PDB file of N, CA and C in Angstrom:
ATOM      1  N   MET A   1       0.840  -1.174   0.000  1.00  0.00           N
ATOM      2  CA  MET A   1       0.000   0.000   0.000  1.00  0.00           C
ATOM      3  C   MET A   1       0.885   1.237   0.000  1.00  0.00           C
ATOM      4  N   LEU A   2       0.497   2.204  -0.787  1.00  0.00           N
ATOM      5  CA  LEU A   2       1.200   3.479  -0.815  1.00  0.00           C
ATOM      6  C   LEU A   2       0.589   4.468   0.164  1.00  0.00           C
ATOM      7  N   VAL A   3      -0.625   4.228   0.580  1.00  0.00           N
ATOM      8  CA  VAL A   3      -1.341   5.088   1.518  1.00  0.00           C
ATOM      9  C   VAL A   3      -1.933   4.224   2.621  1.00  0.00           C
ATOM     10  N   GLY A   4      -2.379   4.864   3.695  1.00  0.00           N
ATOM     11  CA  GLY A   4      -3.061   4.128   4.749  1.00  0.00           C
ATOM     12  C   GLY A   4      -4.470   3.763   4.304  1.00  0.00           C
ATOM     13  N   LEU A   5      -4.949   2.636   4.739  1.00  0.00           N
ATOM     14  CA  LEU A   5      -6.288   2.177   4.381  1.00  0.00           C
ATOM     15  C   LEU A   5      -6.936   1.651   5.653  1.00  0.00           C
ATOM     16  N   SER A   6      -8.138   2.146   5.946  1.00  0.00           N
ATOM     17  CA  SER A   6      -8.804   1.684   7.165  1.00  0.00           C
ATOM     18  C   SER A   6     -10.254   1.349   6.874  1.00  0.00           C
ATOM     19  N   GLY A   7     -10.769   0.482   7.675  1.00  0.00           N
ATOM     20  CA  GLY A   7     -12.164   0.074   7.593  1.00  0.00           C
ATOM     21  C   GLY A   7     -12.700  -0.104   8.996  1.00  0.00           C
ATOM     22  N   PRO A   8     -13.901  -0.607   9.124  1.00  0.00           N
ATOM     23  CA  PRO A   8     -14.479  -0.763  10.459  1.00  0.00           C
ATOM     24  C   PRO A   8     -13.710  -1.734  11.353  1.00  0.00           C
ATOM     25  N   THR A   9     -13.012  -2.692  10.760  1.00  0.00           N
ATOM     26  CA  THR A   9     -12.332  -3.707  11.575  1.00  0.00           C
ATOM     27  C   THR A   9     -10.842  -3.839  11.293  1.00  0.00           C
ATOM     28  N   PHE A  10     -10.248  -2.947  10.480  1.00  0.00           N
ATOM     29  CA  PHE A  10      -8.822  -3.084  10.180  1.00  0.00           C
ATOM     30  C   PHE A  10      -8.197  -1.738   9.843  1.00  0.00           C
ATOM     31  N   TYR A  11      -6.884  -1.688   9.921  1.00  0.00           N
ATOM     32  CA  TYR A  11      -6.116  -0.531   9.483  1.00  0.00           C
ATOM     33  C   TYR A  11      -4.821  -1.048   8.871  1.00  0.00           C
ATOM     34  N   ILE A  12      -4.496  -0.580   7.683  1.00  0.00           N
ATOM     35  CA  ILE A  12      -3.263  -0.970   7.002  1.00  0.00           C
ATOM     36  C   ILE A  12      -2.434   0.290   6.824  1.00  0.00           C
ATOM     37  N   GLU A  13      -1.200   0.257   7.298  1.00  0.00           N
ATOM     38  CA  GLU A  13      -0.313   1.406   7.200  1.00  0.00           C
ATOM     39  C   GLU A  13       0.322   1.463   5.813  1.00  0.00           C
ATOM     40  N   PRO A  14       0.781   2.638   5.384  1.00  0.00           N
ATOM     41  CA  PRO A  14       1.532   2.714   4.131  1.00  0.00           C
ATOM     42  C   PRO A  14       2.743   1.784   4.192  1.00  0.00           C
ATOM     43  N   GLY A  15       2.958   1.042   3.147  1.00  0.00           N
ATOM     44  CA  GLY A  15       4.031   0.054   3.102  1.00  0.00           C
ATOM     45  C   GLY A  15       3.578  -1.329   3.514  1.00  0.00           C
ATOM     46  N   GLY A  16       2.370  -1.432   4.022  1.00  0.00           N
ATOM     47  CA  GLY A  16       1.846  -2.730   4.440  1.00  0.00           C
ATOM     48  C   GLY A  16       1.334  -3.536   3.256  1.00  0.00           C
ATOM     49  N   ILE A  17       1.098  -4.807   3.502  1.00  0.00           N
ATOM     50  CA  ILE A  17       0.580  -5.707   2.475  1.00  0.00           C
ATOM     51  C   ILE A  17      -0.890  -5.966   2.774  1.00  0.00           C
ATOM     52  N   TYR A  18      -1.717  -5.787   1.765  1.00  0.00           N
ATOM     53  CA  TYR A  18      -3.161  -5.980   1.899  1.00  0.00           C
ATOM     54  C   TYR A  18      -3.584  -7.050   0.907  1.00  0.00           C
ATOM     55  N   GLU A  19      -4.023  -8.190   1.407  1.00  0.00           N
ATOM     56  CA  GLU A  19      -4.460  -9.276   0.533  1.00  0.00           C
ATOM     57  C   GLU A  19      -5.937  -9.100   0.218  1.00  0.00           C
ATOM     58  N   CYS A  20      -6.263  -9.129  -1.072  1.00  0.00           N
ATOM     59  CA  CYS A  20      -7.651  -8.962  -1.509  1.00  0.00           C
ATOM     60  C   CYS A  20      -7.824  -9.693  -2.838  1.00  0.00           C
ATOM     61  N   ASP A  21      -9.061  -9.675  -3.342  1.00  0.00           N
ATOM     62  CA  ASP A  21      -9.300 -10.344  -4.619  1.00  0.00           C
ATOM     63  C   ASP A  21      -8.760  -9.491  -5.775  1.00  0.00           C
ATOM     64  N   ASP A  22      -8.700 -10.068  -6.944  1.00  0.00           N
ATOM     65  CA  ASP A  22      -8.100  -9.396  -8.103  1.00  0.00           C
ATOM     66  C   ASP A  22      -8.816  -8.117  -8.491  1.00  0.00           C
ATOM     67  N   SER A  23     -10.141  -8.088  -8.413  1.00  0.00           N
ATOM     68  CA  SER A  23     -10.867  -6.890  -8.832  1.00  0.00           C
ATOM     69  C   SER A  23     -10.591  -5.716  -7.887  1.00  0.00           C
ATOM     70  N   GLU A  24     -10.533  -5.977  -6.585  1.00  0.00           N
ATOM     71  CA  GLU A  24     -10.232  -4.900  -5.637  1.00  0.00           C
ATOM     72  C   GLU A  24      -8.783  -4.449  -5.791  1.00  0.00           C
ATOM     73  N   ALA A  25      -7.885  -5.393  -6.013  1.00  0.00           N
ATOM     74  CA  ALA A  25      -6.482  -5.042  -6.225  1.00  0.00           C
ATOM     75  C   ALA A  25      -6.326  -4.175  -7.465  1.00  0.00           C
ATOM     76  N   THR A  26      -7.038  -4.497  -8.515  1.00  0.00           N
ATOM     77  CA  THR A  26      -6.977  -3.700  -9.743  1.00  0.00           C
ATOM     78  C   THR A  26      -7.461  -2.279  -9.493  1.00  0.00           C
ATOM     79  N   ARG A  27      -8.549  -2.132  -8.749  1.00  0.00           N
ATOM     80  CA  ARG A  27      -9.060  -0.785  -8.438  1.00  0.00           C
ATOM     81  C   ARG A  27      -8.052   0.010  -7.607  1.00  0.00           C
ATOM     82  N   LEU A  28      -7.443  -0.620  -6.612  1.00  0.00           N
ATOM     83  CA  LEU A  28      -6.463   0.088  -5.780  1.00  0.00           C
ATOM     84  C   LEU A  28      -5.225   0.488  -6.571  1.00  0.00           C
ATOM     85  N   ILE A  29      -4.772  -0.391  -7.457  1.00  0.00           N
ATOM     86  CA  ILE A  29      -3.589  -0.083  -8.276  1.00  0.00           C
ATOM     87  C   ILE A  29      -3.902   1.013  -9.284  1.00  0.00           C
ATOM     88  N   CYS A  30      -5.068   0.960  -9.926  1.00  0.00           N
ATOM     89  CA  CYS A  30      -5.449   1.987 -10.905  1.00  0.00           C
ATOM     90  C   CYS A  30      -5.630   3.352 -10.239  1.00  0.00           C
ATOM     91  N   ALA A  31      -6.066   3.367  -8.988  1.00  0.00           N
ATOM     92  CA  ALA A  31      -6.223   4.618  -8.252  1.00  0.00           C
ATOM     93  C   ALA A  31      -4.896   5.093  -7.662  1.00  0.00           C
ATOM     94  N   ARG A  32      -3.844   4.339  -7.863  1.00  0.00           N
ATOM     95  CA  ARG A  32      -2.496   4.628  -7.369  1.00  0.00           C
ATOM     96  C   ARG A  32      -2.439   4.664  -5.844  1.00  0.00           C
ATOM     97  N   TYR A  33      -3.261   3.835  -5.211  1.00  0.00           N
ATOM     98  CA  TYR A  33      -3.205   3.650  -3.769  1.00  0.00           C
ATOM     99  C   TYR A  33      -2.272   2.514  -3.407  1.00  0.00           C
ATOM    100  N   ALA A  34      -1.953   1.653  -4.386  1.00  0.00           N
ATOM    101  CA  ALA A  34      -1.140   0.464  -4.119  1.00  0.00           C
ATOM    102  C   ALA A  34      -0.316   0.123  -5.351  1.00  0.00           C
ATOM    103  N   VAL A  35       0.664  -0.714  -5.132  1.00  0.00           N
ATOM    104  CA  VAL A  35       1.456  -1.283  -6.223  1.00  0.00           C
ATOM    105  C   VAL A  35       1.381  -2.795  -6.089  1.00  0.00           C
ATOM    106  N   PRO A  36       1.530  -3.515  -7.188  1.00  0.00           N
ATOM    107  CA  PRO A  36       1.481  -4.979  -7.106  1.00  0.00           C
ATOM    108  C   PRO A  36       2.611  -5.509  -6.227  1.00  0.00           C
ATOM    109  N   PHE A  37       2.318  -6.521  -5.440  1.00  0.00           N
ATOM    110  CA  PHE A  37       3.321  -7.156  -4.589  1.00  0.00           C
ATOM    111  C   PHE A  37       4.054  -8.200  -5.408  1.00  0.00           C
ATOM    112  N   ALA A  38       5.362  -8.054  -5.494  1.00  0.00           N
ATOM    113  CA  ALA A  38       6.187  -9.011  -6.229  1.00  0.00           C
ATOM    114  C   ALA A  38       7.402  -9.324  -5.374  1.00  0.00           C
ATOM    115  N   ASP A  39       7.337 -10.399  -4.621  1.00  0.00           N
ATOM    116  CA  ASP A  39       8.397 -10.753  -3.684  1.00  0.00           C
ATOM    117  C   ASP A  39       9.698 -11.096  -4.388  1.00  0.00           C
ATOM    118  N   ASP A  40       9.620 -11.694  -5.567  1.00  0.00           N
ATOM    119  CA  ASP A  40      10.831 -12.147  -6.242  1.00  0.00           C
ATOM    120  C   ASP A  40      11.434 -11.112  -7.183  1.00  0.00           C
ATOM    121  N   GLN A  41      10.876  -9.914  -7.261  1.00  0.00           N
ATOM    122  CA  GLN A  41      11.389  -8.899  -8.180  1.00  0.00           C
ATOM    123  C   GLN A  41      12.063  -7.739  -7.447  1.00  0.00           C
ATOM    124  N   ILE A  42      12.668  -8.019  -6.294  1.00  0.00           N
ATOM    125  CA  ILE A  42      13.359  -6.977  -5.548  1.00  0.00           C
ATOM    126  C   ILE A  42      14.697  -6.715  -6.212  1.00  0.00           C
ATOM    127  N   GLU A  43      14.950  -5.463  -6.547  1.00  0.00           N
ATOM    128  CA  GLU A  43      16.206  -5.104  -7.190  1.00  0.00           C
ATOM    129  C   GLU A  43      17.294  -5.005  -6.129  1.00  0.00           C
ATOM    130  N   ARG A  44      18.397  -5.645  -6.364  1.00  0.00           N
ATOM    131  CA  ARG A  44      19.495  -5.633  -5.416  1.00  0.00           C
ATOM    132  C   ARG A  44      20.770  -5.189  -6.123  1.00  0.00           C
ATOM    133  N   ALA A  45      21.593  -4.439  -5.403  1.00  0.00           N
ATOM    134  CA  ALA A  45      22.884  -4.023  -5.944  1.00  0.00           C
ATOM    135  C   ALA A  45      23.832  -5.217  -5.859  1.00  0.00           C
ATOM    136  N   ILE A  46      24.433  -5.559  -6.972  1.00  0.00           N
ATOM    137  CA  ILE A  46      25.343  -6.708  -6.960  1.00  0.00           C
ATOM    138  C   ILE A  46      26.744  -6.334  -7.403  1.00  0.00           C
ATOM    139  N   VAL A  47      26.946  -5.112  -7.856  1.00  0.00           N
ATOM    140  CA  VAL A  47      28.255  -4.679  -8.324  1.00  0.00           C
ATOM    141  C   VAL A  47      28.739  -3.561  -7.401  1.00  0.00           C
ATOM    142  N   PRO A  48      29.969  -3.651  -6.887  1.00  0.00           N
ATOM    143  CA  PRO A  48      30.465  -2.568  -6.028  1.00  0.00           C
ATOM    144  C   PRO A  48      30.658  -1.293  -6.852  1.00  0.00           C
ATOM    145  N   PRO A  49      30.613  -0.142  -6.210  1.00  0.00           N
ATOM    146  CA  PRO A  49      30.792   1.098  -6.964  1.00  0.00           C
ATOM    147  C   PRO A  49      32.188   1.173  -7.595  1.00  0.00           C
ATOM    148  N   ALA A  50      32.291   1.927  -8.663  1.00  0.00           N
ATOM    149  CA  ALA A  50      33.567   2.074  -9.365  1.00  0.00           C
ATOM    150  C   ALA A  50      34.571   2.807  -8.475  1.00  0.00           C
ATOM    151  N   PRO A  51      35.868   2.459  -8.561  1.00  0.00           N
ATOM    152  CA  PRO A  51      36.871   3.155  -7.747  1.00  0.00           C
ATOM    153  C   PRO A  51      37.040   4.605  -8.206  1.00  0.00           C
ATOM    154  N   GLU A  52      37.392   5.449  -7.287  1.00  0.00           N
ATOM    155  CA  GLU A  52      37.610   6.873  -7.581  1.00  0.00           C
ATOM    156  C   GLU A  52      38.892   7.022  -8.388  1.00  0.00           C
ATOM    157  N   ARG A  53      38.834   7.764  -9.494  1.00  0.00           N
ATOM    158  CA  ARG A  53      39.997   7.928 -10.350  1.00  0.00           C
ATOM    159  C   ARG A  53      40.472   9.369 -10.427  1.00  0.00           C
ATOM    160  N   ARG A  54      39.796  10.265  -9.753  1.00  0.00           N
ATOM    161  CA  ARG A  54      40.234  11.668  -9.784  1.00  0.00           C
ATOM    162  C   ARG A  54      41.505  11.817  -8.963  1.00  0.00           C
ATOM    163  N   LYS A  55      42.345  12.758  -9.366  1.00  0.00           N
ATOM    164  CA  LYS A  55      43.589  13.018  -8.645  1.00  0.00           C
ATOM    165  C   LYS A  55      43.526  14.417  -8.054  1.00  0.00           C
ATOM    166  N   LYS A  56      44.156  14.588  -6.920  1.00  0.00           N
ATOM    167  CA  LYS A  56      44.196  15.896  -6.284  1.00  0.00           C
ATOM    168  C   LYS A  56      45.112  16.814  -7.075  1.00  0.00           C
ATOM    169  N   LYS A  57      44.702  18.064  -7.224  1.00  0.00           N
ATOM    170  CA  LYS A  57      45.557  19.056  -7.871  1.00  0.00           C
ATOM    171  C   LYS A  57      46.424  19.687  -6.784  1.00  0.00           C
ATOM    172  N   GLY A  58      47.642  19.948  -7.124  1.00  0.00           N
ATOM    173  CA  GLY A  58      48.432  20.690  -6.150  1.00  0.00           C
ATOM    174  C   GLY A  58      49.742  20.201  -5.981  1.00  0.00           C
TER     175      GLY A  58
END
């Protein structure tokens, strides 16, 4: 969830996971209240940063 969502019996904080049926998920995503949950598509840095090649003047 990108925003907080509350109802009579629950509250979901921004960043939380809300399980629902496909039609409700589609409405929330189209309204930009949520993004699809994809556990296996987390981008990770795998290459260390390039070494510094600048030289000091002086």
